[in-house]
């Protein structure tokens, strides 16, 4: 099977899909490779090379071949920078597709390539990871075209909100299969040693041996409009002013001192309080040890305004013991139900919810522990394996003499 990515850049969809591929090859019953349109992507004020990406490294270390068309371009909210492909690019794509029974498209954007005339005809499964199909540029039209000509045979939706949104946008409901996101429960778990180490790395000391220490809120997101960073920062200013010992951590592409747009947002949100509160706002950028960051935090926060489906940060943070506090977007409310708080788009309400989450952290712990199986990687991978085996079986049946009307 061949998976086609736009590129390797920081984001939950790539993390989930790459983890699925690694899980599918672990049993030795499926063979997978990856083709990336871009070898380097410039977005969120960050140049992201394929070879530097954690997903790329995990895939290749797991024996999955990864190749690229070598493009280098900027992407805007996941939209392919150009849908015109050269002869050599199409030839490389055709060679990659030739040995595959099934093609997986990570989100609908790679269909701009897969819909090109002259490529081998293979059934395509599109993996959908957002809840705003109308906000994906020309990608929705590419998806509809691929469905109309019979190329796309199934769509995997990571959330119920994804299925509902795409069905409302005109995608046939029988093609939409919901497989909720899952995470590696061995990696994402409460870890007292990791909690202490992370806090010490930021100069956040515990009040006493075994004590929870100063409250910490983590925001794990790329710097993008849908993430509503200005709202998060306004809530952070309000919370830091009230929680004298609290700390706020921001992780993800563009969440660094090198991003002038982020600095402008901080200046607007904090204003005159910048000098007094700024030393408790930590900009960490892309981290490859998020299990440590979450274990060291008390609250995992999300303030997104749109686009989210099943945010990975909420699941990973919850499994590490952080209480989730989120706005009501995508499946976020159902994910955190009984485990945390859903807030309006109001900075003061969000700040109060963070304080309530810190205060009730121990009360939420049993519910978080009891929900681990629901969010497991094993469950997710098994569901993908079943769907792909069904699609591959249909392909073999069509090729078998005397089957499928032949």
Protein backbone atom coordinates (compact mmCIF):
# COMPACT_ATOMS: atom_id res chain seq x y z
CA UNK A 1 0.00 0.00 0.00
CA UNK A 2 1.14 3.52 -0.78
CA UNK A 3 0.37 6.58 1.34
CA UNK A 4 0.63 10.02 -0.27
CA UNK A 5 1.41 13.03 1.95
CA UNK A 6 1.53 16.72 1.04
CA UNK A 7 4.68 16.90 3.08
CA UNK A 8 6.20 16.25 6.47
CA UNK A 9 5.31 19.15 8.73
CA UNK A 10 4.20 19.39 12.33
CA UNK A 11 0.58 18.40 12.86
CA UNK A 12 -1.70 15.80 14.41
CA UNK A 13 -2.89 14.26 11.13
CA UNK A 14 0.64 13.30 10.09
CA UNK A 15 1.38 11.94 13.55
CA UNK A 16 -1.73 9.77 13.56
CA UNK A 17 -1.32 8.49 10.01
CA UNK A 18 2.37 7.69 10.46
CA UNK A 19 1.60 5.81 13.66
CA UNK A 20 -1.13 3.86 11.86
CA UNK A 21 1.33 2.81 9.14
CA UNK A 22 3.88 1.67 11.71
CA UNK A 23 1.21 -0.35 13.48
CA UNK A 24 0.01 -1.95 10.25
CA UNK A 25 3.48 -3.18 9.30
CA UNK A 26 4.28 -4.50 12.77
CA UNK A 27 2.23 -7.64 12.16
CA UNK A 28 3.99 -8.31 8.85
CA UNK A 29 0.74 -8.76 6.94
CA UNK A 30 0.79 -5.43 5.09
CA UNK A 31 3.54 -3.64 3.18
CA UNK A 32 3.53 0.15 3.15
CA UNK A 33 5.53 2.96 1.64
CA UNK A 34 5.08 6.75 1.58
CA UNK A 35 5.35 9.33 -1.18
CA UNK A 36 5.59 12.98 -0.14
CA UNK A 37 4.83 15.76 -2.60
CA UNK A 38 7.15 18.15 -0.79
CA UNK A 39 10.65 17.57 0.51
CA UNK A 40 10.52 20.82 2.46
CA UNK A 41 7.62 22.93 3.64
CA UNK A 42 7.61 26.54 4.83
CA UNK A 43 4.71 27.29 7.16
CA UNK A 44 4.02 28.57 10.69
CA UNK A 45 7.13 30.75 10.31
CA UNK A 46 9.18 27.55 10.20
CA UNK A 47 11.16 25.78 7.48
CA UNK A 48 10.41 22.09 7.95
CA UNK A 49 12.61 19.60 6.06
CA UNK A 50 11.30 16.11 5.53
CA UNK A 51 14.48 14.50 6.88
CA UNK A 52 14.25 16.49 10.11
CA UNK A 53 10.65 15.48 10.84
CA UNK A 54 9.93 13.06 13.69
CA UNK A 55 7.31 11.18 11.64
CA UNK A 56 9.76 10.70 8.76
CA UNK A 57 12.38 9.37 11.15
CA UNK A 58 9.92 7.03 12.84
CA UNK A 59 8.68 5.64 9.52
CA UNK A 60 12.13 5.02 8.09
CA UNK A 61 13.36 3.54 11.38
CA UNK A 62 10.37 1.19 11.20
CA UNK A 63 11.39 -0.05 7.76
CA UNK A 64 8.87 2.00 5.75
CA UNK A 65 10.34 3.50 2.59
CA UNK A 66 9.71 7.24 2.19
CA UNK A 67 10.36 9.11 -1.05
CA UNK A 68 9.57 12.63 -2.20
CA UNK A 69 8.82 14.50 -5.42
CA UNK A 70 11.25 17.05 -4.01
CA UNK A 71 9.01 20.09 -4.06
CA UNK A 72 9.83 22.99 -1.75
CA UNK A 73 7.03 25.45 -1.21
CA UNK A 74 4.83 27.22 1.27
CA UNK A 75 1.50 25.69 2.23
CA UNK A 76 -1.46 27.68 3.51
CA UNK A 77 -3.64 25.71 5.93
CA UNK A 78 -2.85 22.49 4.14
CA UNK A 79 -3.60 23.65 0.60
CA UNK A 80 -1.24 22.37 -2.10
CA UNK A 81 0.73 25.33 -3.40
CA UNK A 82 0.35 24.22 -7.03
CA UNK A 83 -1.71 21.55 -8.77
CA UNK A 84 0.36 21.50 -11.98
CA UNK A 85 2.80 18.60 -12.08
CA UNK A 86 5.75 18.05 -14.37
CA UNK A 87 6.38 14.99 -16.49
CA UNK A 88 9.15 13.69 -14.20
CA UNK A 89 6.92 14.19 -11.14
CA UNK A 90 4.11 12.21 -12.74
CA UNK A 91 6.55 9.49 -13.78
CA UNK A 92 7.86 9.20 -10.20
CA UNK A 93 4.28 9.03 -8.94
CA UNK A 94 3.36 6.33 -11.47
CA UNK A 95 6.32 4.21 -10.40
CA UNK A 96 5.37 4.58 -6.75
CA UNK A 97 1.75 3.63 -7.47
CA UNK A 98 2.56 0.68 -9.72
CA UNK A 99 3.38 -1.75 -6.94
CA UNK A 100 0.47 -0.80 -4.68
CA UNK A 101 -2.91 -2.50 -4.40
CA UNK A 102 -4.44 0.42 -2.49
CA UNK A 103 -3.51 4.11 -2.19
CA UNK A 104 -4.03 6.05 1.05
CA UNK A 105 -4.30 9.83 0.70
CA UNK A 106 -3.46 11.70 3.89
CA UNK A 107 -6.30 14.23 3.77
CA UNK A 108 -7.85 15.18 0.46
CA UNK A 109 -5.16 17.58 -0.78
CA UNK A 110 -2.93 14.92 -2.43
CA UNK A 111 -5.85 14.11 -4.75
CA UNK A 112 -4.68 17.06 -6.86
CA UNK A 113 -1.84 14.72 -7.83
CA UNK A 114 -3.68 11.40 -7.77
CA UNK A 115 -6.43 12.75 -10.06
CA UNK A 116 -3.93 13.50 -12.84
CA UNK A 117 -4.57 11.74 -16.14
CA UNK A 118 -2.31 8.87 -17.13
CA UNK A 119 -1.49 7.56 -13.64
CA UNK A 120 -2.14 3.91 -12.78
CA UNK A 121 -5.72 3.36 -11.68
CA UNK A 122 -5.79 2.18 -8.08
CA UNK A 123 -8.51 2.34 -5.41
CA UNK A 124 -7.92 5.28 -3.08
CA UNK A 125 -8.84 5.56 0.60
CA UNK A 126 -8.83 9.19 1.78
CA UNK A 127 -8.04 9.84 5.45
CA UNK A 128 -9.94 12.94 6.61
CA UNK A 129 -8.82 14.82 9.71
CA UNK A 130 -10.79 18.09 9.77
CA UNK A 131 -14.37 19.23 10.21
CA UNK A 132 -14.42 22.11 7.71
CA UNK A 133 -14.40 20.64 4.17
CA UNK A 134 -15.58 23.92 2.66
CA UNK A 135 -12.44 25.62 4.00
CA UNK A 136 -9.94 23.41 2.18
CA UNK A 137 -9.53 25.36 -1.03
CA UNK A 138 -10.01 23.20 -4.15
CA UNK A 139 -9.49 19.96 -2.22
CA UNK A 140 -13.21 19.26 -1.73
CA UNK A 141 -13.78 19.49 -5.47
CA UNK A 142 -10.88 17.11 -6.06
CA UNK A 143 -12.44 14.67 -3.59
CA UNK A 144 -15.82 14.85 -5.30
CA UNK A 145 -14.22 14.32 -8.70
CA UNK A 146 -12.31 11.27 -7.49
CA UNK A 147 -15.50 9.81 -6.02
CA UNK A 148 -17.44 10.48 -9.20
CA UNK A 149 -14.98 8.54 -11.35
CA UNK A 150 -14.81 5.66 -8.88
CA UNK A 151 -11.21 6.23 -7.77
CA UNK A 152 -12.02 6.95 -4.12
CA UNK A 153 -13.66 3.87 -2.62
CA UNK A 154 -13.68 4.89 1.06
CA UNK A 155 -12.96 7.80 3.40
CA UNK A 156 -11.70 7.36 6.95
CA UNK A 157 -13.03 10.06 9.30
CA UNK A 158 -11.16 10.53 12.57
CA UNK A 159 -14.28 11.98 14.23
CA UNK A 160 -18.05 11.98 14.07
CA UNK A 161 -17.93 15.71 13.33
CA UNK A 162 -15.78 14.95 10.30
CA UNK A 163 -18.30 12.46 8.93
CA UNK A 164 -21.19 14.85 9.54
CA UNK A 165 -19.43 17.79 7.90
CA UNK A 166 -18.36 15.89 4.78
CA UNK A 167 -21.74 14.26 4.35
CA UNK A 168 -23.35 17.69 4.61
CA UNK A 169 -20.88 18.89 1.95
CA UNK A 170 -22.11 16.24 -0.49
CA UNK A 171 -19.86 13.23 0.14
CA UNK A 172 -21.92 9.99 0.09
CA UNK A 173 -22.47 8.73 3.62
CA UNK A 174 -21.78 5.09 2.70
CA UNK A 175 -18.16 6.02 1.88
CA UNK A 176 -17.51 7.66 5.26
CA UNK A 177 -16.12 5.37 7.96
CA UNK A 178 -15.36 6.75 11.44
CA UNK A 179 -12.17 5.49 13.10
CA UNK A 180 -11.46 7.69 16.14
CA UNK A 181 -7.88 8.74 16.88
CA UNK A 182 -5.86 6.70 19.35
CA UNK A 183 -2.45 7.01 20.98
CA UNK A 184 0.31 4.75 22.27
CA UNK A 185 -0.71 4.14 25.88
CA UNK A 186 2.77 2.92 26.81
CA UNK A 187 4.19 6.27 25.75
CA UNK A 188 1.39 8.57 26.91
CA UNK A 189 0.82 7.89 30.59
CA UNK A 190 1.29 9.66 33.91
CA UNK A 191 5.00 9.67 34.78
CA UNK A 192 6.18 11.26 38.02
CA UNK A 193 9.86 11.23 37.02
CA UNK A 194 9.15 12.84 33.65
CA UNK A 195 6.94 15.42 35.37
CA UNK A 196 9.73 16.43 37.72
CA UNK A 197 12.37 16.50 34.97
CA UNK A 198 10.28 18.69 32.69
CA UNK A 199 9.47 21.14 35.44
CA UNK A 200 13.09 21.35 36.52
CA UNK A 201 14.11 22.07 32.92
CA UNK A 202 11.92 25.19 33.02
CA UNK A 203 12.87 26.19 36.54
CA UNK A 204 9.49 25.23 37.97
CA UNK A 205 10.13 23.72 41.39
CA UNK A 206 7.82 21.49 43.42
CA UNK A 207 6.63 22.84 46.77
CA UNK A 208 7.65 19.66 48.56
CA UNK A 209 8.68 16.09 47.68
CA UNK A 210 5.67 14.39 46.10
CA UNK A 211 3.67 17.63 45.90
CA UNK A 212 2.13 18.70 42.60
CA UNK A 213 4.08 21.95 42.49
CA UNK A 214 3.15 25.11 40.61
CA UNK A 215 0.22 24.73 38.19
CA UNK A 216 1.17 24.40 34.52
CA UNK A 217 -1.07 24.85 31.46
CA UNK A 218 0.17 23.48 28.11
CA UNK A 219 -1.02 24.62 24.68
CA UNK A 220 0.19 22.24 21.95
CA UNK A 221 -0.68 23.61 18.54
CA UNK A 222 0.89 24.99 15.39
CA UNK A 223 0.73 28.74 14.86
CA UNK A 224 -2.35 28.91 12.60
CA UNK A 225 -5.51 30.97 12.49
CA UNK A 226 -7.80 28.06 13.29
CA UNK A 227 -5.97 27.53 16.61
CA UNK A 228 -7.11 30.95 17.87
CA UNK A 229 -3.78 31.84 19.46
CA UNK A 230 -4.87 35.41 20.38
CA UNK A 231 -7.73 34.00 22.47
CA UNK A 232 -5.38 31.57 24.20
CA UNK A 233 -2.95 34.37 25.05
CA UNK A 234 -5.69 36.59 26.48
CA UNK A 235 -6.77 33.70 28.71
CA UNK A 236 -3.13 33.10 29.65
CA UNK A 237 -2.68 36.71 30.74
CA UNK A 238 -5.82 36.56 32.89
CA UNK A 239 -4.83 33.23 34.43
CA UNK A 240 -1.20 34.16 35.13
CA UNK A 241 -2.33 37.38 36.80
CA UNK A 242 -4.57 35.39 39.13
CA UNK A 243 -2.35 32.31 39.62
CA UNK A 244 0.78 33.90 41.03
CA UNK A 245 2.86 30.73 40.74
CA UNK A 246 1.36 29.39 37.53
CA UNK A 247 3.18 28.77 34.25
CA UNK A 248 1.96 28.55 30.64
CA UNK A 249 3.77 26.43 28.04
CA UNK A 250 3.28 26.81 24.28
CA UNK A 251 4.52 24.03 21.95
CA UNK A 252 4.29 23.52 18.22
CA UNK A 253 5.51 24.89 14.91
CA UNK A 254 5.77 28.66 15.10
CA UNK A 255 5.54 28.78 18.90
CA UNK A 256 9.01 30.27 19.22
CA UNK A 257 10.74 33.58 19.81
CA UNK A 258 11.65 33.62 16.10
CA UNK A 259 8.02 34.13 15.05
CA UNK A 260 7.29 37.87 14.88
CA UNK A 261 3.55 37.28 14.44
CA UNK A 262 3.43 35.38 17.73
CA UNK A 263 5.34 38.16 19.48
CA UNK A 264 2.85 40.67 18.16
CA UNK A 265 0.00 38.57 19.55
CA UNK A 266 1.73 38.41 22.93
CA UNK A 267 2.21 42.17 23.00
CA UNK A 268 -1.47 42.75 22.25
CA UNK A 269 -2.71 40.20 24.79
CA UNK A 270 -0.37 41.04 27.66
CA UNK A 271 0.12 44.77 27.12
CA UNK A 272 1.55 46.45 30.20
CA UNK A 273 1.57 43.10 32.05
CA UNK A 274 4.20 41.67 29.69
CA UNK A 275 7.16 42.50 31.93
CA UNK A 276 5.49 41.20 35.09
CA UNK A 277 4.00 38.00 33.66
CA UNK A 278 6.13 37.19 30.62
CA UNK A 279 8.75 35.15 32.46
CA UNK A 280 6.07 32.52 33.20
CA UNK A 281 5.15 32.13 29.52
CA UNK A 282 7.41 29.51 27.91
CA UNK A 283 7.73 29.21 24.10
CA UNK A 284 9.13 25.76 23.34
CA UNK A 285 8.47 25.30 19.61
CA UNK A 286 8.29 21.79 18.17
CA UNK A 287 8.97 19.11 20.77
CA UNK A 288 9.57 15.43 20.13
CA UNK A 289 8.93 14.46 23.75
CA UNK A 290 5.34 15.57 24.16
CA UNK A 291 4.68 12.74 26.61
CA UNK A 292 7.12 14.50 28.95
CA UNK A 293 5.54 17.91 28.39
CA UNK A 294 2.04 16.58 29.10
CA UNK A 295 3.19 14.60 32.14
CA UNK A 296 4.70 17.81 33.52
CA UNK A 297 1.49 19.78 33.02
CA UNK A 298 -1.78 19.98 34.93
CA UNK A 299 -4.01 21.28 32.12
CA UNK A 300 -3.98 20.69 28.36
CA UNK A 301 -5.73 23.63 26.70
CA UNK A 302 -7.31 24.12 23.29
CA UNK A 303 -8.94 27.36 22.10
CA UNK A 304 -9.53 26.52 18.42
CA UNK A 305 -12.26 28.35 16.54
CA UNK A 306 -12.77 25.91 13.65
CA UNK A 307 -11.43 22.98 11.69
CA UNK A 308 -10.68 20.60 14.55
CA UNK A 309 -12.01 17.04 14.41
CA UNK A 310 -10.52 14.84 17.18
CA UNK A 311 -7.63 16.95 18.49
CA UNK A 312 -4.66 14.74 19.30
CA UNK A 313 -3.36 17.13 21.96
CA UNK A 314 -6.46 16.58 24.11
CA UNK A 315 -6.14 12.80 23.93
CA UNK A 316 -2.39 12.70 24.51
CA UNK A 317 -2.61 15.18 27.38
CA UNK A 318 -5.49 13.33 29.06
CA UNK A 319 -3.64 10.02 28.88
CA UNK A 320 -0.69 11.67 30.65
CA UNK A 321 -2.93 12.94 33.45
CA UNK A 322 -3.49 16.54 32.32
CA UNK A 323 -7.07 17.79 32.57
CA UNK A 324 -8.43 18.93 29.17
CA UNK A 325 -10.05 22.35 28.79
CA UNK A 326 -11.34 23.11 25.30
CA UNK A 327 -13.66 25.19 23.21
CA UNK A 328 -16.56 23.35 21.58
CA UNK A 329 -15.14 22.51 18.16
CA UNK A 330 -15.27 19.21 16.26
CA UNK A 331 -15.51 16.22 18.61
CA UNK A 332 -13.68 18.04 21.41
CA UNK A 333 -16.70 18.23 23.71
CA UNK A 334 -17.42 14.49 23.48
CA UNK A 335 -13.74 13.65 23.95
CA UNK A 336 -13.43 15.59 27.21
CA UNK A 337 -16.89 14.79 28.58
CA UNK A 338 -16.48 13.59 32.16
CA UNK A 339 -12.74 14.29 31.99
CA UNK A 340 -12.49 18.08 31.83
CA UNK A 341 -14.19 21.29 30.79
CA UNK A 342 -15.72 22.86 27.68
CA UNK A 343 -15.66 26.67 27.60
CA UNK A 344 -17.16 29.52 25.58
CA UNK A 345 -14.87 31.68 23.47
CA UNK A 346 -14.22 34.03 26.37
CA UNK A 347 -10.74 34.50 27.90
CA UNK A 348 -11.97 35.01 31.45
CA UNK A 349 -14.19 31.93 31.31
CA UNK A 350 -11.28 29.92 29.92
CA UNK A 351 -8.94 31.16 32.66
CA UNK A 352 -11.44 30.22 35.37
CA UNK A 353 -11.83 26.76 33.81
CA UNK A 354 -8.05 26.27 33.94
CA UNK A 355 -8.09 27.07 37.65
CA UNK A 356 -11.00 24.66 38.20
CA UNK A 357 -9.12 21.97 36.27
CA UNK A 358 -6.04 22.41 38.45
CA UNK A 359 -8.15 22.27 41.61
CA UNK A 360 -10.03 19.15 40.45
CA UNK A 361 -7.10 17.31 38.88
CA UNK A 362 -7.07 14.50 41.41
CA UNK A 363 -10.85 14.14 41.16
CA UNK A 364 -10.60 13.63 37.39
CA UNK A 365 -7.78 11.08 37.65
CA UNK A 366 -9.99 7.95 38.03
CA UNK A 367 -12.13 8.88 35.00
CA UNK A 368 -9.03 9.56 32.91
CA UNK A 369 -7.56 6.20 33.89
CA UNK A 370 -10.80 4.37 33.12
CA UNK A 371 -10.97 5.86 29.60
CA UNK A 372 -7.57 4.66 28.41
CA UNK A 373 -8.83 1.71 26.37
CA UNK A 374 -11.21 4.00 24.47
CA UNK A 375 -8.28 6.07 23.23
CA UNK A 376 -5.84 3.25 22.51
CA UNK A 377 -3.63 3.00 19.44
CA UNK A 378 -4.31 -0.74 19.28
CA UNK A 379 -8.03 -0.20 18.77
CA UNK A 380 -7.40 2.41 16.07
CA UNK A 381 -4.91 0.30 14.11
CA UNK A 382 -7.15 -2.77 14.21
CA UNK A 383 -9.99 -0.75 12.69
CA UNK A 384 -7.73 0.56 9.90
CA UNK A 385 -6.48 -2.97 9.22
CA UNK A 386 -10.02 -4.29 8.87
CA UNK A 387 -11.04 -1.54 6.44
CA UNK A 388 -7.91 -1.81 4.29
CA UNK A 389 -8.14 -5.61 4.19
CA UNK A 390 -11.72 -5.27 2.97
CA UNK A 391 -10.70 -2.81 0.24
CA UNK A 392 -7.74 -4.96 -0.83
CA UNK A 393 -10.00 -8.02 -0.89
CA UNK A 394 -12.39 -6.24 -3.22
CA UNK A 395 -9.46 -5.45 -5.52
CA UNK A 396 -8.36 -9.09 -5.64
CA UNK A 397 -11.94 -10.21 -6.33
CA UNK A 398 -12.18 -7.83 -9.28
CA UNK A 399 -8.96 -9.23 -10.76
CA UNK A 400 -9.94 -12.86 -10.28
CA UNK A 401 -11.34 -14.48 -13.45
CA UNK A 402 -15.07 -15.04 -13.27
CA UNK A 403 -15.56 -12.53 -10.45
CA UNK A 404 -17.02 -9.05 -10.68
CA UNK A 405 -18.77 -9.62 -13.98
CA UNK A 406 -15.70 -10.83 -15.89
